[in-house]
Amino acid sequence: MRAGIFDRKGAPIAFASSPYSTTYPQSSWAEQDPEEWWRAMGEASRAALAAAKVKPHQIEALSLDTTNCTVVALDAAGKALRPCLLWMDMRSAAQAARVAASGDSALIVNGGGKGPVSAEWMVPKALWLKEEEPEVYAAATYICEYQDFINFRLTGCMCASVNNVSARWHYDTQRGWPNTLLQHLGMPELLEKWPQDVLPLAEVVGGLTQEAAEHLGLAPGTPVAQGGVDAQIGMLGLGVIDPGSLALLMGSSHLHLGVTDQMLHGSGMFGTYRDGLCPGISVVEGGQTSTGSAVAWLHRLLGSPGYAELDKEAAGVPPGAEGLVCLDHFQGNRTPHTDAASRGAFVGLTLRHSRGHMHRALLESICFGTELVLETMRDNGFHPASITCAGGPTRSDLWLQLHADISNIPLRLTEVAEAPALGSAILAAVAAGWYPSIPDAVRGMVHIARTVQPNPAVHEAYRESYAAYKELYPALRPTFHAAAARDSARRQAQKGARASA
């Protein structure tokens, strides 16, 4: 849990954090204790106040961003009936497949209705609770998210964020809740367990209760502004609020979040999440599963040289890595292919190629993958005009330049790297009355540090390499799926042998 304090211009004054643990009871399961969130939030808040040397009454409002979709089952008092199902928890894969098979109109945000539906999402997780832990499901007054749990503990008010529910609950601000989907799944009663009020970002949920104020070290009654999904609140912290702008969040994976004022749906992308940021300001989504994690893997494989050393060697290799092409699907592909069985590959290796070639080919493949996500978005009607970046890979000038050159779009970097924290501060600033709207607060609190310009000549030089990259997945897909089938059969045989023993 991380807490930050910001001034009116978006400058950070202090940060503090407090850890909490994740448990993995079974393969593909991931859980956390909501009481640990609450403990850590109090510790982080009080530590940030002490570091900033400010008084409780000087904090005029607060807001928070959380993971999405981290599902909790609560009793009427807001007490968790079991550990949460963390966003990465995939135990509801079978339920997700049934959701996708329903063909309900609410699934239009899942690749234009073609799917898939991830086990990460709310409805599959709630269905798993109903089927696998019926006592917990029946006893739950509320089935909601991390965000809703914390807001309830802060204010005593139970409500949902339009940001979360439009992104992962199949909610739409015009259609409302996915009634027919829940009826098809035999769980219409879930509507009664979901929060009944859905608030837009920055709307005041309520004031801090006496108990919550004491826990955080703040003044009772301090306004709590509605927040949302960490990555999408990070869009605000990057200044990505205008139609045609896109946030590229770079870490162990890449997330591409674009802003649009149109309703766009299509194969190979997620969204549009209507009014997800503001009324009339919606979000489209793409993603790459293994980016920074793949670079870290190659780094370890090469004996862990310095990243700067590898970048220097790769910078000496010409565009296209002299015929070495990489497929960046080391943990499958999220978009546009959405294929969990796809795998990574280096194609065209010769005895001439060095580790600098391999490092450059891998970085190029990640940037090609991003360009393929953007190409898919363009095919579906979204045309990104600017990209703002955040995350650890922004420390690599080579990586940034490759992204700019391959996509032929300028990359912007902001002064404050903690984009989700600044995004939450922006929402709190609106709730405090410092700014009349979210776009006004973004313009007043987000500042661009530098821009990486693309080189048109290098972009042109990459045309053949990009075409070769796009040919890899369809060529290798049969091999990947045959290997996945053999692996599945082997696991089933081992499972049967253990059962017989």
Protein backbone atom coordinates (compact mmCIF):
# COMPACT_ATOMS: atom_id res chain seq x y z
CA MET A 1 0.00 0.00 0.00
CA ARG A 2 1.47 3.36 -1.05
CA ALA A 3 0.32 6.79 0.10
CA GLY A 4 1.31 10.10 -1.46
CA ILE A 5 0.70 13.75 -0.65
CA PHE A 6 0.58 16.32 -3.48
CA ASP A 7 0.21 20.09 -3.74
CA ARG A 8 -2.16 22.02 -6.01
CA LYS A 9 0.25 21.93 -8.96
CA GLY A 10 0.72 18.17 -8.83
CA ALA A 11 4.12 18.20 -7.17
CA PRO A 12 4.67 15.28 -4.77
CA ILE A 13 5.46 16.29 -1.20
CA ALA A 14 5.95 12.87 0.37
CA PHE A 15 5.41 9.15 -0.20
CA ALA A 16 5.25 6.24 2.22
CA SER A 17 4.38 2.59 1.87
CA SER A 18 3.45 -0.45 3.93
CA PRO A 19 3.55 -4.03 2.63
CA TYR A 20 0.97 -6.77 2.76
CA SER A 21 1.23 -10.35 1.59
CA THR A 22 -0.27 -12.46 -1.17
CA THR A 23 -0.95 -16.16 -0.71
CA TYR A 24 -1.29 -18.84 -3.39
CA PRO A 25 -3.39 -21.67 -1.92
CA GLN A 26 -3.49 -23.63 -5.18
CA SER A 27 -2.10 -23.36 -8.69
CA SER A 28 -3.60 -20.30 -10.45
CA TRP A 29 -5.15 -19.03 -7.18
CA ALA A 30 -4.08 -15.75 -5.55
CA GLU A 31 -5.55 -14.24 -2.39
CA GLN A 32 -5.04 -11.35 0.03
CA ASP A 33 -6.60 -10.51 3.38
CA PRO A 34 -8.69 -7.29 3.15
CA GLU A 35 -7.88 -6.52 6.79
CA GLU A 36 -4.24 -6.37 5.74
CA TRP A 37 -5.16 -3.69 3.19
CA TRP A 38 -6.78 -1.65 5.93
CA ARG A 39 -3.82 -2.05 8.29
CA ALA A 40 -1.33 -1.10 5.57
CA MET A 41 -3.39 1.90 4.49
CA GLY A 42 -3.33 3.33 8.00
CA GLU A 43 0.40 2.78 8.36
CA ALA A 44 1.21 4.31 4.98
CA SER A 45 -1.04 7.33 5.54
CA ARG A 46 0.42 8.17 8.93
CA ALA A 47 3.97 7.70 7.64
CA ALA A 48 3.34 9.99 4.65
CA LEU A 49 1.92 12.69 6.92
CA ALA A 50 4.97 12.47 9.15
CA ALA A 51 7.34 12.63 6.18
CA ALA A 52 5.51 15.64 4.72
CA LYS A 53 5.31 17.37 8.11
CA VAL A 54 1.74 18.46 7.49
CA LYS A 55 -1.18 18.61 9.91
CA PRO A 56 -4.29 16.45 9.44
CA HIS A 57 -6.51 19.44 8.65
CA GLN A 58 -4.16 20.48 5.82
CA ILE A 59 -5.23 17.42 3.79
CA GLU A 60 -8.31 18.70 1.97
CA ALA A 61 -9.41 15.46 0.25
CA LEU A 62 -8.23 11.96 -0.64
CA SER A 63 -8.85 9.32 -3.27
CA LEU A 64 -7.46 5.91 -4.07
CA ASP A 65 -6.71 3.62 -6.96
CA THR A 66 -6.79 -0.15 -6.60
CA THR A 67 -6.28 -3.29 -8.63
CA ASN A 68 -9.15 -4.41 -10.84
CA CYS A 69 -10.84 -6.88 -10.56
CA THR A 70 -9.99 -7.94 -6.98
CA VAL A 71 -13.25 -9.39 -5.64
CA VAL A 72 -14.41 -9.49 -2.02
CA ALA A 73 -17.46 -11.00 -0.31
CA LEU A 74 -18.62 -8.88 2.64
CA ASP A 75 -21.26 -9.09 5.33
CA ALA A 76 -23.59 -6.19 6.10
CA ALA A 77 -20.97 -4.56 8.35
CA GLY A 78 -18.34 -4.68 5.60
CA LYS A 79 -16.37 -7.57 7.12
CA ALA A 80 -14.76 -9.91 4.61
CA LEU A 81 -16.18 -13.45 4.72
CA ARG A 82 -13.10 -14.93 3.05
CA PRO A 83 -9.82 -13.69 1.54
CA CYS A 84 -10.23 -11.75 -1.69
CA LEU A 85 -9.92 -13.30 -5.13
CA LEU A 86 -7.02 -11.21 -6.40
CA TRP A 87 -7.09 -9.74 -9.89
CA MET A 88 -4.59 -12.34 -11.14
CA ASP A 89 -6.56 -15.25 -9.67
CA MET A 90 -7.56 -17.57 -12.54
CA ARG A 91 -9.55 -20.23 -10.68
CA SER A 92 -12.75 -19.24 -12.49
CA ALA A 93 -11.48 -20.15 -15.98
CA ALA A 94 -14.32 -22.66 -16.51
CA GLN A 95 -16.89 -20.08 -15.45
CA ALA A 96 -15.29 -17.51 -17.76
CA ALA A 97 -15.69 -19.88 -20.69
CA ARG A 98 -19.40 -20.24 -19.90
CA VAL A 99 -19.77 -16.46 -19.70
CA ALA A 100 -18.18 -16.16 -23.13
CA ALA A 101 -20.38 -18.93 -24.52
CA SER A 102 -23.53 -17.05 -23.48
CA GLY A 103 -23.21 -14.73 -26.46
CA ASP A 104 -24.83 -11.96 -24.44
CA SER A 105 -24.82 -8.45 -25.88
CA ALA A 106 -22.88 -7.18 -22.84
CA LEU A 107 -19.84 -9.08 -24.16
CA ILE A 108 -19.35 -6.51 -26.90
CA VAL A 109 -16.47 -5.07 -24.86
CA ASN A 110 -14.70 -8.44 -25.24
CA GLY A 111 -13.28 -8.25 -28.73
CA GLY A 112 -16.51 -6.95 -30.24
CA GLY A 113 -18.40 -9.91 -28.75
CA LYS A 114 -15.99 -12.52 -30.08
CA GLY A 115 -14.28 -12.92 -26.71
CA PRO A 116 -12.50 -14.10 -24.84
CA VAL A 117 -13.73 -13.34 -21.34
CA SER A 118 -10.93 -13.45 -18.79
CA ALA A 119 -11.19 -15.32 -15.49
CA GLU A 120 -9.92 -12.06 -13.96
CA TRP A 121 -13.33 -10.39 -14.47
CA MET A 122 -16.12 -9.92 -11.93
CA VAL A 123 -18.88 -12.17 -13.29
CA PRO A 124 -16.76 -15.35 -13.59
CA LYS A 125 -15.37 -14.86 -10.08
CA ALA A 126 -18.82 -14.27 -8.59
CA LEU A 127 -20.11 -17.36 -10.40
CA TRP A 128 -17.22 -19.39 -8.96
CA LEU A 129 -18.16 -18.24 -5.47
CA LYS A 130 -21.77 -19.25 -6.02
CA GLU A 131 -20.87 -22.70 -7.33
CA GLU A 132 -17.82 -23.59 -5.23
CA GLU A 133 -18.48 -21.74 -1.95
CA PRO A 134 -22.29 -21.46 -1.82
CA GLU A 135 -22.30 -20.74 1.93
CA VAL A 136 -20.05 -17.71 1.46
CA TYR A 137 -22.06 -16.53 -1.54
CA ALA A 138 -25.38 -16.85 0.30
CA ALA A 139 -24.06 -15.09 3.41
CA ALA A 140 -22.58 -12.17 1.44
CA THR A 141 -24.53 -8.93 1.62
CA TYR A 142 -22.05 -7.40 -0.81
CA ILE A 143 -19.94 -8.89 -3.57
CA CYS A 144 -17.75 -6.05 -4.74
CA GLU A 145 -14.15 -4.92 -5.22
CA TYR A 146 -11.10 -3.77 -3.30
CA GLN A 147 -12.07 -0.17 -4.17
CA ASP A 148 -15.56 -0.56 -2.73
CA PHE A 149 -14.33 -2.27 0.44
CA ILE A 150 -11.90 0.55 1.24
CA ASN A 151 -14.39 3.31 0.46
CA PHE A 152 -16.94 1.61 2.73
CA ARG A 153 -14.39 1.42 5.57
CA LEU A 154 -13.49 5.07 5.04
CA THR A 155 -16.98 6.53 4.85
CA GLY A 156 -19.62 3.94 5.69
CA CYS A 157 -21.02 4.38 2.16
CA MET A 158 -21.24 1.39 -0.18
CA CYS A 159 -20.96 2.33 -3.85
CA ALA A 160 -19.12 1.27 -6.98
CA SER A 161 -16.88 3.24 -9.33
CA VAL A 162 -18.02 3.68 -12.91
CA ASN A 163 -14.39 3.17 -13.87
CA ASN A 164 -14.20 -0.33 -12.37
CA VAL A 165 -17.64 -1.58 -13.35
CA SER A 166 -17.44 -0.42 -16.96
CA ALA A 167 -14.04 -2.05 -17.36
CA ARG A 168 -14.59 -5.44 -15.72
CA TRP A 169 -18.26 -5.92 -14.66
CA HIS A 170 -19.90 -5.66 -18.11
CA TYR A 171 -21.68 -2.51 -16.95
CA ASP A 172 -22.57 0.24 -19.41
CA THR A 173 -23.67 3.75 -18.42
CA GLN A 174 -26.50 3.66 -20.97
CA ARG A 175 -27.56 0.01 -20.77
CA GLY A 176 -26.89 -0.41 -17.06
CA TRP A 177 -26.16 -3.75 -15.43
CA PRO A 178 -25.78 -6.95 -17.51
CA ASN A 179 -29.20 -8.29 -16.48
CA THR A 180 -29.64 -10.78 -19.31
CA LEU A 181 -26.14 -12.16 -18.85
CA LEU A 182 -26.76 -12.86 -15.17
CA GLN A 183 -30.14 -14.42 -15.94
CA HIS A 184 -28.53 -16.68 -18.53
CA LEU A 185 -25.99 -17.80 -15.93
CA GLY A 186 -28.69 -18.46 -13.34
CA MET A 187 -27.53 -15.79 -10.92
CA PRO A 188 -29.86 -12.78 -11.23
CA GLU A 189 -29.64 -12.31 -7.45
CA LEU A 190 -26.06 -11.08 -7.88
CA LEU A 191 -27.51 -7.67 -8.80
CA GLU A 192 -28.78 -7.36 -5.23
CA LYS A 193 -25.32 -8.11 -3.86
CA TRP A 194 -23.55 -5.55 -6.04
CA PRO A 195 -23.37 -1.92 -4.83
CA GLN A 196 -26.56 -0.15 -5.85
CA ASP A 197 -24.95 3.23 -6.52
CA VAL A 198 -22.37 3.79 -9.27
CA LEU A 199 -20.42 7.04 -8.90
CA PRO A 200 -18.30 8.82 -11.52
CA LEU A 201 -14.65 9.52 -10.84
CA ALA A 202 -13.98 12.42 -8.45
CA GLU A 203 -17.53 12.48 -7.02
CA VAL A 204 -17.48 12.62 -3.22
CA VAL A 205 -18.30 9.21 -1.73
CA GLY A 206 -18.58 10.70 1.75
CA GLY A 207 -16.51 12.11 4.57
CA LEU A 208 -14.09 10.15 6.75
CA THR A 209 -15.75 8.59 9.75
CA GLN A 210 -14.26 9.23 13.17
CA GLU A 211 -12.81 5.71 13.27
CA ALA A 212 -11.33 5.95 9.79
CA ALA A 213 -9.89 9.41 10.47
CA GLU A 214 -8.11 8.14 13.58
CA HIS A 215 -6.81 5.14 11.65
CA LEU A 216 -5.35 7.31 8.87
CA GLY A 217 -4.24 10.20 11.05
CA LEU A 218 -6.56 12.62 9.21
CA ALA A 219 -9.42 14.91 10.18
CA PRO A 220 -12.95 13.49 10.47
CA GLY A 221 -15.16 14.52 7.57
CA THR A 222 -12.31 14.83 5.08
CA PRO A 223 -13.91 14.21 1.65
CA VAL A 224 -13.19 10.91 -0.06
CA ALA A 225 -13.34 11.17 -3.85
CA GLN A 226 -14.36 8.19 -5.93
CA GLY A 227 -11.33 6.54 -7.51
CA GLY A 228 -10.86 3.54 -9.76
CA VAL A 229 -8.57 1.10 -11.52
CA ASP A 230 -4.88 1.75 -10.89
CA ALA A 231 -3.89 1.68 -14.57
CA GLN A 232 -6.74 3.90 -15.71
CA ILE A 233 -6.26 6.38 -12.88
CA GLY A 234 -2.65 6.36 -14.04
CA MET A 235 -3.93 7.65 -17.40
CA LEU A 236 -5.04 10.82 -15.61
CA GLY A 237 -1.64 11.06 -13.89
CA LEU A 238 -0.03 10.94 -17.34
CA GLY A 239 -2.32 13.61 -18.73
CA VAL A 240 -4.01 11.15 -21.09
CA ILE A 241 -7.50 12.66 -21.18
CA ASP A 242 -8.04 13.93 -24.73
CA PRO A 243 -9.52 11.78 -27.51
CA GLY A 244 -6.75 10.24 -29.61
CA SER A 245 -4.24 10.12 -26.77
CA LEU A 246 -2.91 6.83 -25.41
CA ALA A 247 -1.14 5.72 -22.25
CA LEU A 248 1.57 3.10 -22.62
CA LEU A 249 2.19 1.57 -19.20
CA MET A 250 5.43 -0.37 -19.34
CA GLY A 251 6.59 -2.90 -16.79
CA SER A 252 6.79 -6.68 -16.71
CA SER A 253 3.98 -6.40 -19.28
CA HIS A 254 2.68 -3.58 -21.50
CA LEU A 255 -0.79 -2.06 -21.21
CA HIS A 256 -2.19 0.24 -23.91
CA LEU A 257 -5.11 2.46 -22.86
CA GLY A 258 -6.56 4.87 -25.40
CA VAL A 259 -9.04 7.71 -24.93
CA THR A 260 -11.96 8.03 -27.34
CA ASP A 261 -15.21 9.97 -27.56
CA GLN A 262 -16.74 7.26 -29.78
CA MET A 263 -18.06 3.77 -29.10
CA LEU A 264 -15.61 1.47 -30.90
CA HIS A 265 -15.70 -2.32 -30.73
CA GLY A 266 -13.84 -4.94 -32.66
CA SER A 267 -11.82 -8.12 -32.72
CA GLY A 268 -8.40 -7.96 -31.12
CA MET A 269 -9.03 -5.27 -28.50
CA PHE A 270 -11.06 -4.69 -25.35
CA GLY A 271 -13.56 -1.88 -24.85
CA THR A 272 -14.91 0.60 -25.49
CA TYR A 273 -15.55 1.20 -21.77
CA ARG A 274 -18.16 3.91 -22.03
CA ASP A 275 -17.67 7.01 -19.83
CA GLY A 276 -14.90 5.17 -18.00
CA LEU A 277 -12.90 8.33 -17.20
CA CYS A 278 -15.47 11.11 -17.53
CA PRO A 279 -18.87 11.50 -19.16
CA GLY A 280 -18.18 11.30 -22.89
CA ILE A 281 -14.58 10.17 -22.33
CA SER A 282 -14.23 6.43 -22.84
CA VAL A 283 -11.39 3.90 -22.94
CA VAL A 284 -10.13 1.21 -25.35
CA GLU A 285 -7.59 -1.36 -24.18
CA GLY A 286 -4.84 -3.57 -25.53
CA GLY A 287 -2.09 -5.50 -23.82
CA GLN A 288 1.13 -7.49 -24.18
CA THR A 289 1.73 -10.22 -21.64
CA SER A 290 5.51 -10.47 -21.39
CA THR A 291 7.65 -7.43 -22.17
CA GLY A 292 9.87 -6.29 -19.32
CA SER A 293 9.68 -9.83 -17.92
CA ALA A 294 11.04 -11.20 -21.22
CA VAL A 295 13.90 -8.68 -21.19
CA ALA A 296 14.70 -9.71 -17.59
CA TRP A 297 14.66 -13.38 -18.68
CA LEU A 298 17.16 -12.76 -21.49
CA HIS A 299 19.26 -10.66 -19.14
CA ARG A 300 19.52 -13.60 -16.71
CA LEU A 301 20.19 -16.04 -19.55
CA LEU A 302 23.12 -13.92 -20.72
CA GLY A 303 24.73 -13.93 -17.29
CA SER A 304 23.17 -10.73 -15.92
CA PRO A 305 25.34 -8.07 -17.54
CA GLY A 306 24.36 -4.45 -16.95
CA TYR A 307 21.26 -3.36 -18.83
CA ALA A 308 23.12 -0.24 -19.99
CA GLU A 309 25.86 -2.51 -21.37
CA LEU A 310 23.32 -4.57 -23.31
CA ASP A 311 21.63 -1.43 -24.62
CA LYS A 312 25.00 -0.10 -25.83
CA GLU A 313 25.74 -3.34 -27.70
CA ALA A 314 22.22 -3.43 -29.17
CA ALA A 315 22.49 0.22 -30.28
CA GLY A 316 25.46 -0.81 -32.43
CA VAL A 317 23.29 -3.34 -34.31
CA PRO A 318 21.39 -1.99 -37.34
CA PRO A 319 17.56 -1.90 -37.42
CA GLY A 320 16.19 -5.38 -38.04
CA ALA A 321 19.01 -7.04 -36.09
CA GLU A 322 20.56 -8.32 -39.33
CA GLY A 323 17.76 -10.76 -40.05
CA LEU A 324 17.12 -11.95 -36.48
CA VAL A 325 13.41 -11.71 -35.67
CA CYS A 326 11.82 -12.44 -32.30
CA LEU A 327 8.23 -13.27 -31.32
CA ASP A 328 7.46 -11.75 -27.94
CA HIS A 329 4.81 -14.28 -26.80
CA PHE A 330 6.83 -15.80 -23.96
CA GLN A 331 3.73 -16.02 -21.74
CA GLY A 332 1.16 -16.13 -24.52
CA ASN A 333 -0.46 -13.19 -26.29
CA ARG A 334 -3.09 -10.91 -24.80
CA THR A 335 -4.04 -8.80 -27.82
CA PRO A 336 -4.66 -8.91 -30.68
CA HIS A 337 -4.39 -12.73 -30.95
CA THR A 338 -5.49 -13.54 -27.36
CA ASP A 339 -3.77 -16.92 -27.38
CA ALA A 340 -2.53 -18.35 -24.10
CA ALA A 341 -0.80 -21.23 -25.91
CA SER A 342 1.41 -18.98 -28.06
CA ARG A 343 5.08 -18.88 -27.14
CA GLY A 344 8.21 -16.85 -27.74
CA ALA A 345 10.72 -17.56 -30.49
CA PHE A 346 13.94 -16.27 -32.06
CA VAL A 347 13.96 -16.94 -35.79
CA GLY A 348 16.92 -16.51 -38.14
CA LEU A 349 19.76 -17.07 -35.65
CA THR A 350 23.20 -17.50 -37.20
CA LEU A 351 26.70 -17.86 -35.83
CA ARG A 352 27.25 -14.20 -36.64
CA HIS A 353 24.63 -12.99 -34.18
CA SER A 354 25.80 -11.70 -30.79
CA ARG A 355 24.04 -11.04 -27.52
CA GLY A 356 23.61 -7.46 -28.72
CA HIS A 357 21.65 -8.81 -31.68
CA MET A 358 19.45 -10.91 -29.39
CA HIS A 359 18.79 -8.01 -27.04
CA ARG A 360 17.91 -5.69 -29.91
CA ALA A 361 15.71 -8.31 -31.60
CA LEU A 362 13.79 -8.82 -28.36
CA LEU A 363 13.30 -5.07 -27.82
CA GLU A 364 12.23 -4.71 -31.45
CA SER A 365 9.74 -7.56 -31.09
CA ILE A 366 8.13 -5.88 -28.07
CA CYS A 367 7.87 -2.64 -30.03
CA PHE A 368 6.49 -4.54 -33.05
CA GLY A 369 3.93 -6.09 -30.70
CA THR A 370 2.92 -2.63 -29.52
CA GLU A 371 2.61 -1.44 -33.11
CA LEU A 372 0.41 -4.45 -33.90
CA VAL A 373 -1.85 -3.49 -30.96
CA LEU A 374 -2.02 0.07 -32.32
CA GLU A 375 -2.64 -1.21 -35.87
CA THR A 376 -5.53 -3.30 -34.54
CA MET A 377 -6.95 -0.28 -32.74
CA ARG A 378 -6.68 1.75 -35.94
CA ASP A 379 -8.48 -1.00 -37.85
CA ASN A 380 -11.29 -0.73 -35.27
CA GLY A 381 -11.51 3.07 -35.57
CA PHE A 382 -9.15 4.36 -32.87
CA HIS A 383 -6.20 6.35 -34.23
CA PRO A 384 -3.66 7.27 -31.51
CA ALA A 385 -2.04 10.62 -32.17
CA SER A 386 0.17 10.77 -29.07
CA ILE A 387 1.56 8.27 -26.57
CA THR A 388 2.54 9.04 -22.99
CA CYS A 389 4.71 6.45 -21.24
CA ALA A 390 5.36 5.37 -17.68
CA GLY A 391 7.17 2.49 -16.03
CA GLY A 392 10.64 1.03 -15.52
CA PRO A 393 11.50 0.56 -19.22
CA THR A 394 11.35 4.34 -19.67
CA ARG A 395 14.84 4.36 -18.13
CA SER A 396 16.14 2.83 -21.39
CA ASP A 397 16.65 5.53 -24.03
CA LEU A 398 17.15 2.82 -26.66
CA TRP A 399 13.85 1.11 -25.85
CA LEU A 400 11.95 4.41 -25.96
CA GLN A 401 13.51 5.39 -29.28
CA LEU A 402 12.63 1.99 -30.77
CA HIS A 403 9.00 2.44 -29.72
CA ALA A 404 8.91 5.92 -31.27
CA ASP A 405 10.61 4.84 -34.50
CA ILE A 406 8.62 1.66 -35.06
CA SER A 407 5.21 3.27 -34.38
CA ASN A 408 6.22 6.65 -35.86
CA ILE A 409 4.50 8.46 -32.98
CA PRO A 410 6.12 10.86 -30.46
CA LEU A 411 6.45 9.51 -26.93
CA ARG A 412 5.89 11.86 -24.00
CA LEU A 413 7.26 11.41 -20.49
CA THR A 414 5.91 13.29 -17.49
CA GLU A 415 7.69 14.89 -14.55
CA VAL A 416 5.97 12.66 -11.96
CA ALA A 417 6.67 8.97 -12.48
CA GLU A 418 4.06 7.89 -9.92
CA ALA A 419 1.20 8.24 -12.40
CA PRO A 420 -1.55 6.35 -10.49
CA ALA A 421 -0.77 8.29 -7.30
CA LEU A 422 -0.91 11.61 -9.14
CA GLY A 423 -4.13 10.47 -10.83
CA SER A 424 -5.68 9.85 -7.42
CA ALA A 425 -4.47 13.27 -6.29
CA ILE A 426 -6.15 14.81 -9.35
CA LEU A 427 -9.47 13.23 -8.34
CA ALA A 428 -9.04 14.45 -4.77
CA ALA A 429 -8.22 17.96 -6.05
CA VAL A 430 -11.52 18.07 -7.93
CA ALA A 431 -13.42 16.84 -4.87
CA ALA A 432 -11.71 19.51 -2.77
CA GLY A 433 -12.83 22.22 -5.19
CA TRP A 434 -9.35 23.13 -6.38
CA TYR A 435 -10.39 22.50 -9.99
CA PRO A 436 -13.87 22.48 -11.57
CA SER A 437 -13.37 19.25 -13.54
CA ILE A 438 -11.03 16.33 -14.11
CA PRO A 439 -9.69 17.71 -17.43
CA ASP A 440 -8.98 21.05 -15.74
CA ALA A 441 -7.14 19.31 -12.91
CA VAL A 442 -5.12 17.23 -15.40
CA ARG A 443 -4.05 20.38 -17.24
CA GLY A 444 -3.07 22.06 -13.97
CA MET A 445 -1.28 19.13 -12.29
CA VAL A 446 0.41 17.08 -15.06
CA HIS A 447 3.59 18.43 -16.65
CA ILE A 448 5.54 16.95 -19.58
CA ALA A 449 9.25 16.48 -18.92
CA ARG A 450 10.42 15.52 -22.41
CA THR A 451 9.31 14.09 -25.74
CA VAL A 452 11.02 11.36 -27.77
CA GLN A 453 10.56 12.11 -31.47
CA PRO A 454 10.46 9.33 -34.08
CA ASN A 455 12.97 9.15 -36.91
CA PRO A 456 10.94 8.78 -40.15
CA ALA A 457 13.87 7.23 -42.02
CA VAL A 458 14.33 4.55 -39.36
CA HIS A 459 10.57 3.94 -39.32
CA GLU A 460 10.71 3.30 -43.06
CA ALA A 461 13.67 0.96 -42.59
CA TYR A 462 11.60 -1.19 -40.22
CA ARG A 463 8.82 -1.96 -42.73
CA GLU A 464 10.27 -5.30 -43.85
CA SER A 465 11.18 -6.40 -40.30
CA TYR A 466 7.70 -5.55 -39.05
CA ALA A 467 6.15 -7.56 -41.89
CA ALA A 468 8.40 -10.50 -40.98
CA TYR A 469 7.33 -10.19 -37.34
CA LYS A 470 3.64 -10.34 -38.28
CA GLU A 471 4.24 -13.55 -40.24
CA LEU A 472 5.71 -15.39 -37.26
CA TYR A 473 2.56 -16.02 -35.20
CA PRO A 474 0.42 -17.59 -37.97
CA ALA A 475 3.40 -19.66 -39.09
CA LEU A 476 4.23 -20.95 -35.60
CA ARG A 477 0.71 -21.24 -34.18
CA PRO A 478 0.21 -24.90 -35.24
CA THR A 479 3.49 -25.83 -33.55
CA PHE A 480 2.57 -23.99 -30.35
CA HIS A 481 -0.90 -25.57 -30.15
CA ALA A 482 0.40 -29.06 -30.86
CA ALA A 483 2.90 -28.64 -28.02
CA ALA A 484 0.14 -27.36 -25.71
CA ALA A 485 -2.04 -30.38 -26.56
CA ARG A 486 0.82 -32.79 -25.80
CA ASP A 487 1.50 -31.02 -22.52
CA SER A 488 -2.18 -31.17 -21.53
CA ALA A 489 -2.35 -34.88 -22.35
CA ARG A 490 0.81 -35.51 -20.32
CA ARG A 491 -0.61 -33.66 -17.29
CA GLN A 492 -3.88 -35.59 -17.53
CA ALA A 493 -1.99 -38.88 -17.67
CA GLN A 494 0.06 -37.92 -14.62
CA LYS A 495 -3.09 -36.89 -12.78
CA GLY A 496 -4.73 -40.21 -13.62
CA ALA A 497 -1.66 -42.12 -12.48
CA ARG A 498 -1.65 -40.30 -9.13
CA ALA A 499 -5.37 -40.99 -8.67
CA SER A 500 -4.84 -44.70 -9.37
CA ALA A 501 -1.98 -44.85 -6.87
